[in-house]
PDB file of N, CA and C in Angstrom:
ATOM      1  N   MET A   1      70.263 162.779  64.907  1.00  0.00           N
ATOM      2  CA  MET A   1      71.222 161.882  65.500  1.00  0.00           C
ATOM      3  C   MET A   1      71.192 162.070  67.006  1.00  0.00           C
ATOM      4  N   GLU A   2      71.410 160.997  67.732  1.00  0.00           N
ATOM      5  CA  GLU A   2      71.464 161.051  69.187  1.00  0.00           C
ATOM      6  C   GLU A   2      72.916 160.932  69.636  1.00  0.00           C
ATOM      7  N   ILE A   3      73.295 161.790  70.586  1.00  0.00           N
ATOM      8  CA  ILE A   3      74.588 161.626  71.242  1.00  0.00           C
ATOM      9  C   ILE A   3      74.357 161.718  72.743  1.00  0.00           C
ATOM     10  N   TYR A   4      75.309 161.251  73.464  1.00  0.00           N
ATOM     11  CA  TYR A   4      75.275 161.307  74.915  1.00  0.00           C
ATOM     12  C   TYR A   4      76.463 162.149  75.364  1.00  0.00           C
ATOM     13  N   ILE A   5      76.197 163.080  76.263  1.00  0.00           N
ATOM     14  CA  ILE A   5      77.253 163.959  76.738  1.00  0.00           C
ATOM     15  C   ILE A   5      77.445 163.796  78.237  1.00  0.00           C
ATOM     16  N   THR A   6      78.652 164.110  78.672  1.00  0.00           N
ATOM     17  CA  THR A   6      78.931 164.236  80.097  1.00  0.00           C
ATOM     18  C   THR A   6      79.349 165.677  80.335  1.00  0.00           C
ATOM     19  N   THR A   7      79.102 166.148  81.540  1.00  0.00           N
ATOM     20  CA  THR A   7      79.434 167.529  81.868  1.00  0.00           C
ATOM     21  C   THR A   7      80.250 167.580  83.155  1.00  0.00           C
ATOM     22  N   ASN A   8      81.007 168.673  83.276  1.00  0.00           N
ATOM     23  CA  ASN A   8      81.763 168.864  84.515  1.00  0.00           C
ATOM     24  C   ASN A   8      80.879 169.558  85.548  1.00  0.00           C
ATOM     25  N   SER A   9      81.461 169.919  86.663  1.00  0.00           N
ATOM     26  CA  SER A   9      80.673 170.509  87.752  1.00  0.00           C
ATOM     27  C   SER A   9      80.091 171.874  87.390  1.00  0.00           C
ATOM     28  N   GLU A  10      80.658 172.542  86.373  1.00  0.00           N
ATOM     29  CA  GLU A  10      80.151 173.851  85.943  1.00  0.00           C
ATOM     30  C   GLU A  10      79.111 173.726  84.833  1.00  0.00           C
ATOM     31  N   GLY A  11      78.873 172.510  84.368  1.00  0.00           N
ATOM     32  CA  GLY A  11      77.886 172.289  83.323  1.00  0.00           C
ATOM     33  C   GLY A  11      78.452 172.271  81.915  1.00  0.00           C
ATOM     34  N   TYR A  12      79.773 172.433  81.768  1.00  0.00           N
ATOM     35  CA  TYR A  12      80.391 172.397  80.442  1.00  0.00           C
ATOM     36  C   TYR A  12      80.573 170.951  79.989  1.00  0.00           C
ATOM     37  N   VAL A  13      80.394 170.733  78.710  1.00  0.00           N
ATOM     38  CA  VAL A  13      80.552 169.396  78.142  1.00  0.00           C
ATOM     39  C   VAL A  13      82.022 168.986  78.274  1.00  0.00           C
ATOM     40  N   ASP A  14      82.262 167.801  78.812  1.00  0.00           N
ATOM     41  CA  ASP A  14      83.633 167.313  78.913  1.00  0.00           C
ATOM     42  C   ASP A  14      83.830 165.986  78.175  1.00  0.00           C
ATOM     43  N   GLY A  15      82.783 165.546  77.481  1.00  0.00           N
ATOM     44  CA  GLY A  15      82.898 164.352  76.660  1.00  0.00           C
ATOM     45  C   GLY A  15      81.581 164.029  75.987  1.00  0.00           C
ATOM     46  N   TYR A  16      81.670 163.293  74.885  1.00  0.00           N
ATOM     47  CA  TYR A  16      80.440 162.856  74.211  1.00  0.00           C
ATOM     48  C   TYR A  16      80.688 161.541  73.495  1.00  0.00           C
ATOM     49  N   SER A  17      79.579 160.852  73.218  1.00  0.00           N
ATOM     50  CA  SER A  17      79.662 159.547  72.568  1.00  0.00           C
ATOM     51  C   SER A  17      78.347 159.273  71.864  1.00  0.00           C
ATOM     52  N   ASP A  18      78.397 158.365  70.894  1.00  0.00           N
ATOM     53  CA  ASP A  18      77.140 157.950  70.273  1.00  0.00           C
ATOM     54  C   ASP A  18      76.556 156.732  71.000  1.00  0.00           C
ATOM     55  N   CYS A  19      77.291 156.262  72.030  1.00  0.00           N
ATOM     56  CA  CYS A  19      76.798 155.192  72.899  1.00  0.00           C
ATOM     57  C   CYS A  19      76.379 155.795  74.233  1.00  0.00           C
ATOM     58  N   GLU A  20      75.466 155.138  74.883  1.00  0.00           N
ATOM     59  CA  GLU A  20      74.963 155.661  76.147  1.00  0.00           C
ATOM     60  C   GLU A  20      76.079 155.749  77.189  1.00  0.00           C
ATOM     61  N   ILE A  21      76.094 156.892  77.877  1.00  0.00           N
ATOM     62  CA  ILE A  21      77.069 157.150  78.935  1.00  0.00           C
ATOM     63  C   ILE A  21      76.295 157.345  80.231  1.00  0.00           C
ATOM     64  N   SER A  22      76.797 156.744  81.287  1.00  0.00           N
ATOM     65  CA  SER A  22      76.133 156.914  82.574  1.00  0.00           C
ATOM     66  C   SER A  22      77.170 157.353  83.590  1.00  0.00           C
ATOM     67  N   PRO A  23      76.991 158.462  84.278  1.00  0.00           N
ATOM     68  CA  PRO A  23      75.893 159.414  84.112  1.00  0.00           C
ATOM     69  C   PRO A  23      76.145 160.289  82.894  1.00  0.00           C
ATOM     70  N   GLY A  24      75.092 160.643  82.242  1.00  0.00           N
ATOM     71  CA  GLY A  24      75.183 161.482  81.060  1.00  0.00           C
ATOM     72  C   GLY A  24      73.818 161.981  80.645  1.00  0.00           C
ATOM     73  N   HIS A  25      73.801 162.741  79.561  1.00  0.00           N
ATOM     74  CA  HIS A  25      72.567 163.318  79.053  1.00  0.00           C
ATOM     75  C   HIS A  25      72.432 162.960  77.575  1.00  0.00           C
ATOM     76  N   LYS A  26      71.216 162.558  77.180  1.00  0.00           N
ATOM     77  CA  LYS A  26      70.946 162.237  75.786  1.00  0.00           C
ATOM     78  C   LYS A  26      70.526 163.528  75.074  1.00  0.00           C
ATOM     79  N   ILE A  27      71.138 163.773  73.910  1.00  0.00           N
ATOM     80  CA  ILE A  27      70.889 164.996  73.140  1.00  0.00           C
ATOM     81  C   ILE A  27      70.545 164.617  71.704  1.00  0.00           C
ATOM     82  N   GLN A  28      69.592 165.305  71.124  1.00  0.00           N
ATOM     83  CA  GLN A  28      69.303 165.193  69.693  1.00  0.00           C
ATOM     84  C   GLN A  28      70.077 166.319  69.003  1.00  0.00           C
ATOM     85  N   ILE A  29      70.847 165.948  67.974  1.00  0.00           N
ATOM     86  CA  ILE A  29      71.691 166.941  67.313  1.00  0.00           C
ATOM     87  C   ILE A  29      71.881 166.559  65.851  1.00  0.00           C
ATOM     88  N   SER A  30      72.004 167.545  64.988  1.00  0.00           N
ATOM     89  CA  SER A  30      72.249 167.296  63.576  1.00  0.00           C
ATOM     90  C   SER A  30      73.721 166.932  63.367  1.00  0.00           C
ATOM     91  N   GLU A  31      73.980 166.056  62.410  1.00  0.00           N
ATOM     92  CA  GLU A  31      75.357 165.673  62.110  1.00  0.00           C
ATOM     93  C   GLU A  31      76.171 166.854  61.582  1.00  0.00           C
ATOM     94  N   GLU A  32      75.511 167.879  61.045  1.00  0.00           N
ATOM     95  CA  GLU A  32      76.184 169.064  60.515  1.00  0.00           C
ATOM     96  C   GLU A  32      76.327 170.165  61.564  1.00  0.00           C
ATOM     97  N   ASP A  33      75.879 169.924  62.773  1.00  0.00           N
ATOM     98  CA  ASP A  33      75.927 170.942  63.817  1.00  0.00           C
ATOM     99  C   ASP A  33      77.375 171.375  64.078  1.00  0.00           C
ATOM    100  N   GLN A  34      77.554 172.658  64.386  1.00  0.00           N
ATOM    101  CA  GLN A  34      78.875 173.218  64.682  1.00  0.00           C
ATOM    102  C   GLN A  34      79.528 172.575  65.912  1.00  0.00           C
ATOM    103  N   PHE A  35      78.725 171.909  66.706  1.00  0.00           N
ATOM    104  CA  PHE A  35      79.244 171.219  67.890  1.00  0.00           C
ATOM    105  C   PHE A  35      80.413 170.306  67.520  1.00  0.00           C
ATOM    106  N   PHE A  36      80.328 169.678  66.360  1.00  0.00           N
ATOM    107  CA  PHE A  36      81.351 168.716  65.953  1.00  0.00           C
ATOM    108  C   PHE A  36      82.587 169.385  65.352  1.00  0.00           C
ATOM    109  N   GLN A  37      82.484 170.655  64.937  1.00  0.00           N
ATOM    110  CA  GLN A  37      83.629 171.370  64.388  1.00  0.00           C
ATOM    111  C   GLN A  37      84.339 172.198  65.462  1.00  0.00           C
ATOM    112  N   ARG A  38      83.575 172.758  66.358  1.00  0.00           N
ATOM    113  CA  ARG A  38      84.144 173.568  67.431  1.00  0.00           C
ATOM    114  C   ARG A  38      84.636 172.658  68.551  1.00  0.00           C
ATOM    115  N   GLY A  39      85.367 173.254  69.455  1.00  0.00           N
ATOM    116  CA  GLY A  39      85.758 172.513  70.646  1.00  0.00           C
ATOM    117  C   GLY A  39      84.533 172.269  71.514  1.00  0.00           C
ATOM    118  N   PHE A  40      84.193 171.016  71.749  1.00  0.00           N
ATOM    119  CA  PHE A  40      82.951 170.719  72.472  1.00  0.00           C
ATOM    120  C   PHE A  40      82.972 171.249  73.902  1.00  0.00           C
ATOM    121  N   ALA A  41      84.163 171.530  74.451  1.00  0.00           N
ATOM    122  CA  ALA A  41      84.249 172.052  75.817  1.00  0.00           C
ATOM    123  C   ALA A  41      83.767 173.494  75.909  1.00  0.00           C
ATOM    124  N   SER A  42      83.459 174.106  74.767  1.00  0.00           N
ATOM    125  CA  SER A  42      82.926 175.476  74.747  1.00  0.00           C
ATOM    126  C   SER A  42      81.407 175.482  74.873  1.00  0.00           C
ATOM    127  N   TYR A  43      80.822 174.300  75.019  1.00  0.00           N
ATOM    128  CA  TYR A  43      79.368 174.180  75.134  1.00  0.00           C
ATOM    129  C   TYR A  43      78.981 173.888  76.574  1.00  0.00           C
ATOM    130  N   LYS A  44      77.900 174.512  76.967  1.00  0.00           N
ATOM    131  CA  LYS A  44      77.356 174.292  78.300  1.00  0.00           C
ATOM    132  C   LYS A  44      75.981 173.650  78.141  1.00  0.00           C
ATOM    133  N   TYR A  45      75.698 172.717  79.010  1.00  0.00           N
ATOM    134  CA  TYR A  45      74.401 172.037  79.003  1.00  0.00           C
ATOM    135  C   TYR A  45      73.484 172.785  79.958  1.00  0.00           C
ATOM    136  N   ILE A  46      72.480 173.465  79.369  1.00  0.00           N
ATOM    137  CA  ILE A  46      71.550 174.268  80.163  1.00  0.00           C
ATOM    138  C   ILE A  46      70.129 173.878  79.783  1.00  0.00           C
ATOM    139  N   ALA A  47      69.366 173.433  80.743  1.00  0.00           N
ATOM    140  CA  ALA A  47      67.951 173.100  80.559  1.00  0.00           C
ATOM    141  C   ALA A  47      67.726 172.183  79.350  1.00  0.00           C
ATOM    142  N   GLY A  48      68.551 171.151  79.234  1.00  0.00           N
ATOM    143  CA  GLY A  48      68.373 170.172  78.170  1.00  0.00           C
ATOM    144  C   GLY A  48      68.906 170.599  76.818  1.00  0.00           C
ATOM    145  N   GLU A  49      69.575 171.740  76.738  1.00  0.00           N
ATOM    146  CA  GLU A  49      70.102 172.242  75.463  1.00  0.00           C
ATOM    147  C   GLU A  49      71.604 172.494  75.575  1.00  0.00           C
ATOM    148  N   LEU A  50      72.276 172.380  74.423  1.00  0.00           N
ATOM    149  CA  LEU A  50      73.686 172.747  74.351  1.00  0.00           C
ATOM    150  C   LEU A  50      73.774 174.220  73.956  1.00  0.00           C
ATOM    151  N   VAL A  51      74.470 175.005  74.761  1.00  0.00           N
ATOM    152  CA  VAL A  51      74.611 176.434  74.511  1.00  0.00           C
ATOM    153  C   VAL A  51      76.087 176.733  74.272  1.00  0.00           C
ATOM    154  N   TYR A  52      76.390 177.267  73.073  1.00  0.00           N
ATOM    155  CA  TYR A  52      77.766 177.618  72.716  1.00  0.00           C
ATOM    156  C   TYR A  52      78.147 178.924  73.387  1.00  0.00           C
ATOM    157  N   GLU A  53      79.328 178.954  74.003  1.00  0.00           N
ATOM    158  CA  GLU A  53      79.835 180.163  74.638  1.00  0.00           C
ATOM    159  C   GLU A  53      81.113 180.588  73.926  1.00  0.00           C
ATOM    160  N   GLU A  54      80.974 181.609  73.098  1.00  0.00           N
ATOM    161  CA  GLU A  54      82.099 182.093  72.290  1.00  0.00           C
ATOM    162  C   GLU A  54      83.252 182.572  73.170  1.00  0.00           C
ATOM    163  N   ALA A  55      82.956 183.245  74.268  1.00  0.00           N
ATOM    164  CA  ALA A  55      84.005 183.746  75.163  1.00  0.00           C
ATOM    165  C   ALA A  55      84.842 182.585  75.713  1.00  0.00           C
ATOM    166  N   LYS A  56      84.183 181.497  76.070  1.00  0.00           N
ATOM    167  CA  LYS A  56      84.889 180.312  76.580  1.00  0.00           C
ATOM    168  C   LYS A  56      85.779 179.733  75.485  1.00  0.00           C
ATOM    169  N   ASP A  57      85.270 179.687  74.251  1.00  0.00           N
ATOM    170  CA  ASP A  57      86.039 179.170  73.125  1.00  0.00           C
ATOM    171  C   ASP A  57      87.286 180.024  72.888  1.00  0.00           C
ATOM    172  N   LYS A  58      87.133 181.345  72.911  1.00  0.00           N
ATOM    173  CA  LYS A  58      88.274 182.244  72.701  1.00  0.00           C
ATOM    174  C   LYS A  58      89.304 182.074  73.818  1.00  0.00           C
ATOM    175  N   MET A  59      88.840 181.950  75.048  1.00  0.00           N
ATOM    176  CA  MET A  59      89.748 181.769  76.169  1.00  0.00           C
ATOM    177  C   MET A  59      90.541 180.468  76.008  1.00  0.00           C
ATOM    178  N   MET A  60      89.863 179.399  75.587  1.00  0.00           N
ATOM    179  CA  MET A  60      90.532 178.114  75.387  1.00  0.00           C
ATOM    180  C   MET A  60      91.551 178.199  74.255  1.00  0.00           C
ATOM    181  N   GLN A  61      91.222 178.934  73.186  1.00  0.00           N
ATOM    182  CA  GLN A  61      92.155 179.112  72.068  1.00  0.00           C
ATOM    183  C   GLN A  61      93.399 179.867  72.535  1.00  0.00           C
ATOM    184  N   GLN A  62      93.210 180.903  73.348  1.00  0.00           N
ATOM    185  CA  GLN A  62      94.343 181.667  73.870  1.00  0.00           C
ATOM    186  C   GLN A  62      95.220 180.798  74.766  1.00  0.00           C
ATOM    187  N   GLN A  63      94.607 179.994  75.609  1.00  0.00           N
ATOM    188  CA  GLN A  63      95.366 179.103  76.485  1.00  0.00           C
ATOM    189  C   GLN A  63      96.167 178.102  75.657  1.00  0.00           C
ATOM    190  N   LYS A  64      95.574 177.619  74.583  1.00  0.00           N
ATOM    191  CA  LYS A  64      96.262 176.671  73.704  1.00  0.00           C
ATOM    192  C   LYS A  64      97.470 177.336  73.044  1.00  0.00           C
ATOM    193  N   GLN A  65      97.303 178.581  72.578  1.00  0.00           N
ATOM    194  CA  GLN A  65      98.409 179.303  71.948  1.00  0.00           C
ATOM    195  C   GLN A  65      99.536 179.554  72.943  1.00  0.00           C
ATOM    196  N   ILE A  66      99.183 179.912  74.169  1.00  0.00           N
ATOM    197  CA  ILE A  66     100.194 180.143  75.195  1.00  0.00           C
ATOM    198  C   ILE A  66     100.946 178.852  75.494  1.00  0.00           C
ATOM    199  N   LYS A  67     100.208 177.771  75.606  1.00  0.00           N
ATOM    200  CA  LYS A  67     100.839 176.475  75.898  1.00  0.00           C
ATOM    201  C   LYS A  67     101.781 176.065  74.770  1.00  0.00           C
ATOM    202  N   GLU A  68     101.357 176.281  73.522  1.00  0.00           N
ATOM    203  CA  GLU A  68     102.192 175.916  72.386  1.00  0.00           C
ATOM    204  C   GLU A  68     103.427 176.809  72.284  1.00  0.00           C
ATOM    205  N   ALA A  69     103.308 178.062  72.733  1.00  0.00           N
ATOM    206  CA  ALA A  69     104.428 178.998  72.662  1.00  0.00           C
ATOM    207  C   ALA A  69     105.424 178.801  73.802  1.00  0.00           C
ATOM    208  N   THR A  70     104.995 178.157  74.869  1.00  0.00           N
ATOM    209  CA  THR A  70     105.855 177.935  76.023  1.00  0.00           C
ATOM    210  C   THR A  70     106.735 176.713  75.761  1.00  0.00           C
ATOM    211  N   PRO A  71     108.059 176.877  75.933  1.00  0.00           N
ATOM    212  CA  PRO A  71     108.940 175.729  75.702  1.00  0.00           C
ATOM    213  C   PRO A  71     108.635 174.587  76.674  1.00  0.00           C
ATOM    214  N   SER A  72     108.810 173.382  76.203  1.00  0.00           N
ATOM    215  CA  SER A  72     108.588 172.216  77.053  1.00  0.00           C
ATOM    216  C   SER A  72     109.699 172.134  78.101  1.00  0.00           C
ATOM    217  N   VAL A  73     109.497 171.303  79.085  1.00  0.00           N
ATOM    218  CA  VAL A  73     110.499 171.120  80.129  1.00  0.00           C
ATOM    219  C   VAL A  73     111.799 170.612  79.517  1.00  0.00           C
ATOM    220  N   ASN A  74     111.708 169.707  78.548  1.00  0.00           N
ATOM    221  CA  ASN A  74     112.913 169.186  77.891  1.00  0.00           C
ATOM    222  C   ASN A  74     113.647 170.295  77.148  1.00  0.00           C
ATOM    223  N   GLU A  75     112.903 171.155  76.444  1.00  0.00           N
ATOM    224  CA  GLU A  75     113.530 172.263  75.730  1.00  0.00           C
ATOM    225  C   GLU A  75     114.195 173.225  76.708  1.00  0.00           C
ATOM    226  N   GLN A  76     113.531 173.485  77.835  1.00  0.00           N
ATOM    227  CA  GLN A  76     114.116 174.367  78.841  1.00  0.00           C
ATOM    228  C   GLN A  76     115.377 173.746  79.444  1.00  0.00           C
ATOM    229  N   LEU A  77     115.347 172.440  79.664  1.00  0.00           N
ATOM    230  CA  LEU A  77     116.503 171.750  80.220  1.00  0.00           C
ATOM    231  C   LEU A  77     117.684 171.807  79.256  1.00  0.00           C
ATOM    232  N   ILE A  78     117.436 171.586  77.985  1.00  0.00           N
ATOM    233  CA  ILE A  78     118.500 171.642  76.979  1.00  0.00           C
ATOM    234  C   ILE A  78     119.087 173.052  76.915  1.00  0.00           C
ATOM    235  N   ALA A  79     118.228 174.069  76.922  1.00  0.00           N
ATOM    236  CA  ALA A  79     118.708 175.457  76.889  1.00  0.00           C
ATOM    237  C   ALA A  79     119.563 175.758  78.121  1.00  0.00           C
ATOM    238  N   THR A  80     119.152 175.259  79.276  1.00  0.00           N
ATOM    239  CA  THR A  80     119.920 175.471  80.504  1.00  0.00           C
ATOM    240  C   THR A  80     121.268 174.769  80.420  1.00  0.00           C
ATOM    241  N   GLN A  81     121.276 173.549  79.906  1.00  0.00           N
ATOM    242  CA  GLN A  81     122.536 172.805  79.771  1.00  0.00           C
ATOM    243  C   GLN A  81     123.478 173.510  78.802  1.00  0.00           C
ATOM    244  N   GLU A  82     122.945 174.048  77.707  1.00  0.00           N
ATOM    245  CA  GLU A  82     123.776 174.769  76.747  1.00  0.00           C
ATOM    246  C   GLU A  82     124.360 176.029  77.384  1.00  0.00           C
ATOM    247  N   ALA A  83     123.544 176.732  78.171  1.00  0.00           N
ATOM    248  CA  ALA A  83     124.026 177.936  78.852  1.00  0.00           C
ATOM    249  C   ALA A  83     125.117 177.577  79.855  1.00  0.00           C
ATOM    250  N   LEU A  84     124.931 176.503  80.603  1.00  0.00           N
ATOM    251  CA  LEU A  84     125.941 176.078  81.572  1.00  0.00           C
ATOM    252  C   LEU A  84     127.237 175.666  80.876  1.00  0.00           C
ATOM    253  N   THR A  85     127.122 175.022  79.732  1.00  0.00           N
ATOM    254  CA  THR A  85     128.309 174.656  78.965  1.00  0.00           C
ATOM    255  C   THR A  85     129.067 175.914  78.547  1.00  0.00           C
ATOM    256  N   GLY A  86     128.330 176.932  78.104  1.00  0.00           N
ATOM    257  CA  GLY A  86     128.953 178.202  77.730  1.00  0.00           C
ATOM    258  C   GLY A  86     129.666 178.847  78.904  1.00  0.00           C
ATOM    259  N   VAL A  87     129.035 178.829  80.082  1.00  0.00           N
ATOM    260  CA  VAL A  87     129.653 179.405  81.278  1.00  0.00           C
ATOM    261  C   VAL A  87     130.907 178.617  81.651  1.00  0.00           C
ATOM    262  N   TYR A  88     130.843 177.303  81.562  1.00  0.00           N
ATOM    263  CA  TYR A  88     132.001 176.460  81.875  1.00  0.00           C
ATOM    264  C   TYR A  88     133.168 176.789  80.938  1.00  0.00           C
ATOM    265  N   GLU A  89     132.868 176.930  79.648  1.00  0.00           N
ATOM    266  CA  GLU A  89     133.921 177.247  78.671  1.00  0.00           C
ATOM    267  C   GLU A  89     134.523 178.625  78.940  1.00  0.00           C
ATOM    268  N   GLN A  90     133.685 179.598  79.295  1.00  0.00           N
ATOM    269  CA  GLN A  90     134.193 180.934  79.633  1.00  0.00           C
ATOM    270  C   GLN A  90     135.080 180.873  80.863  1.00  0.00           C
ATOM    271  N   ASN A  91     134.659 180.090  81.838  1.00  0.00           N
ATOM    272  CA  ASN A  91     135.443 179.934  83.056  1.00  0.00           C
ATOM    273  C   ASN A  91     136.804 179.315  82.738  1.00  0.00           C
ATOM    274  N   ALA A  92     136.818 178.307  81.887  1.00  0.00           N
ATOM    275  CA  ALA A  92     138.080 177.659  81.501  1.00  0.00           C
ATOM    276  C   ALA A  92     138.984 178.659  80.785  1.00  0.00           C
ATOM    277  N   ASN A  93     138.415 179.486  79.917  1.00  0.00           N
ATOM    278  CA  ASN A  93     139.208 180.494  79.214  1.00  0.00           C
ATOM    279  C   ASN A  93     139.781 181.516  80.189  1.00  0.00           C
ATOM    280  N   LEU A  94     138.964 181.954  81.154  1.00  0.00           N
ATOM    281  CA  LEU A  94     139.445 182.919  82.154  1.00  0.00           C
ATOM    282  C   LEU A  94     140.559 182.321  83.009  1.00  0.00           C
ATOM    283  N   GLN A  95     140.433 181.040  83.345  1.00  0.00           N
ATOM    284  CA  GLN A  95     141.481 180.389  84.129  1.00  0.00           C
ATOM    285  C   GLN A  95     142.801 180.360  83.348  1.00  0.00           C
ATOM    286  N   GLN A  96     142.694 180.075  82.051  1.00  0.00           N
ATOM    287  CA  GLN A  96     143.910 180.043  81.226  1.00  0.00           C
ATOM    288  C   GLN A  96     144.517 181.440  81.120  1.00  0.00           C
ATOM    289  N   GLN A  97     143.669 182.461  80.983  1.00  0.00           N
ATOM    290  CA  GLN A  97     144.172 183.833  80.929  1.00  0.00           C
ATOM    291  C   GLN A  97     144.870 184.204  82.237  1.00  0.00           C
ATOM    292  N   LEU A  98     144.304 183.783  83.352  1.00  0.00           N
ATOM    293  CA  LEU A  98     144.911 184.053  84.654  1.00  0.00           C
ATOM    294  C   LEU A  98     146.271 183.377  84.761  1.00  0.00           C
ATOM    295  N   ILE A  99     146.365 182.137  84.331  1.00  0.00           N
ATOM    296  CA  ILE A  99     147.649 181.411  84.359  1.00  0.00           C
ATOM    297  C   ILE A  99     148.668 182.116  83.475  1.00  0.00           C
ATOM    298  N   ASP A 100     148.247 182.516  82.272  1.00  0.00           N
ATOM    299  CA  ASP A 100     149.149 183.220  81.354  1.00  0.00           C
ATOM    300  C   ASP A 100     149.633 184.528  81.968  1.00  0.00           C
ATOM    301  N   THR A 101     148.737 185.254  82.633  1.00  0.00           N
ATOM    302  CA  THR A 101     149.097 186.517  83.279  1.00  0.00           C
ATOM    303  C   THR A 101     150.090 186.279  84.404  1.00  0.00           C
ATOM    304  N   GLN A 102     149.859 185.231  85.213  1.00  0.00           N
ATOM    305  CA  GLN A 102     150.777 184.922  86.308  1.00  0.00           C
ATOM    306  C   GLN A 102     152.157 184.554  85.775  1.00  0.00           C
ATOM    307  N   ILE A 103     152.215 183.787  84.702  1.00  0.00           N
ATOM    308  CA  ILE A 103     153.499 183.417  84.089  1.00  0.00           C
ATOM    309  C   ILE A 103     154.219 184.668  83.597  1.00  0.00           C
ATOM    310  N   ALA A 104     153.455 185.559  82.939  1.00  0.00           N
ATOM    311  CA  ALA A 104     154.063 186.790  82.427  1.00  0.00           C
ATOM    312  C   ALA A 104     154.592 187.646  83.575  1.00  0.00           C
ATOM    313  N   MET A 105     153.881 187.711  84.699  1.00  0.00           N
ATOM    314  CA  MET A 105     154.337 188.497  85.846  1.00  0.00           C
ATOM    315  C   MET A 105     155.611 187.895  86.457  1.00  0.00           C
ATOM    316  N   VAL A 106     155.665 186.569  86.538  1.00  0.00           N
ATOM    317  CA  VAL A 106     156.858 185.907  87.066  1.00  0.00           C
ATOM    318  C   VAL A 106     158.049 186.202  86.150  1.00  0.00           C
ATOM    319  N   GLU A 107     157.816 186.112  84.845  1.00  0.00           N
ATOM    320  CA  GLU A 107     158.899 186.382  83.897  1.00  0.00           C
ATOM    321  C   GLU A 107     159.370 187.830  84.007  1.00  0.00           C
ATOM    322  N   MET A 108     158.442 188.776  84.198  1.00  0.00           N
ATOM    323  CA  MET A 108     158.828 190.176  84.348  1.00  0.00           C
ATOM    324  C   MET A 108     159.581 190.386  85.648  1.00  0.00           C
ATOM    325  N   PHE A 109     159.160 189.701  86.722  1.00  0.00           N
ATOM    326  CA  PHE A 109     159.839 189.817  88.008  1.00  0.00           C
ATOM    327  C   PHE A 109     161.258 189.269  87.897  1.00  0.00           C
ATOM    328  N   GLU A 110     161.405 188.096  87.264  1.00  0.00           N
ATOM    329  CA  GLU A 110     162.725 187.468  87.127  1.00  0.00           C
ATOM    330  C   GLU A 110     163.632 188.315  86.238  1.00  0.00           C
ATOM    331  N   ALA A 111     163.074 188.956  85.227  1.00  0.00           N
ATOM    332  CA  ALA A 111     163.865 189.806  84.331  1.00  0.00           C
ATOM    333  C   ALA A 111     164.356 191.052  85.058  1.00  0.00           C
ATOM    334  N   ALA A 112     163.597 191.512  86.025  1.00  0.00           N
ATOM    335  CA  ALA A 112     163.974 192.709  86.782  1.00  0.00           C
ATOM    336  C   ALA A 112     165.084 192.413  87.772  1.00  0.00           C
ATOM    337  N   LEU A 113     165.308 191.176  88.128  1.00  0.00           N
ATOM    338  CA  LEU A 113     166.359 190.815  89.091  1.00  0.00           C
ATOM    339  C   LEU A 113     167.681 190.851  88.473  1.00  0.00           C
TER     340      LEU A 113
END
């Protein structure tokens, strides 16, 4: 089977197609080749051949796991809003406690007179 690949400035495959791509490179490859199961960005085009780089594949997998484990901006925003709501409620409770304490002090002062 023939495919056409494009590469980035470092020579890593950044896209492929069964239609001609310009600029690109024509490659002969088996339909059962691991290229189609693995992440194609782990392949480098060197001297007319696709060379799989396991270290690059592992690094990309780790980056993907980190990205998936990192909360999205929306999730972070919701967590921040929930925390601020909690702080606001605590502040309201403290204000009420302060008012209650002031009332109790006034009542104690008036009782002492």
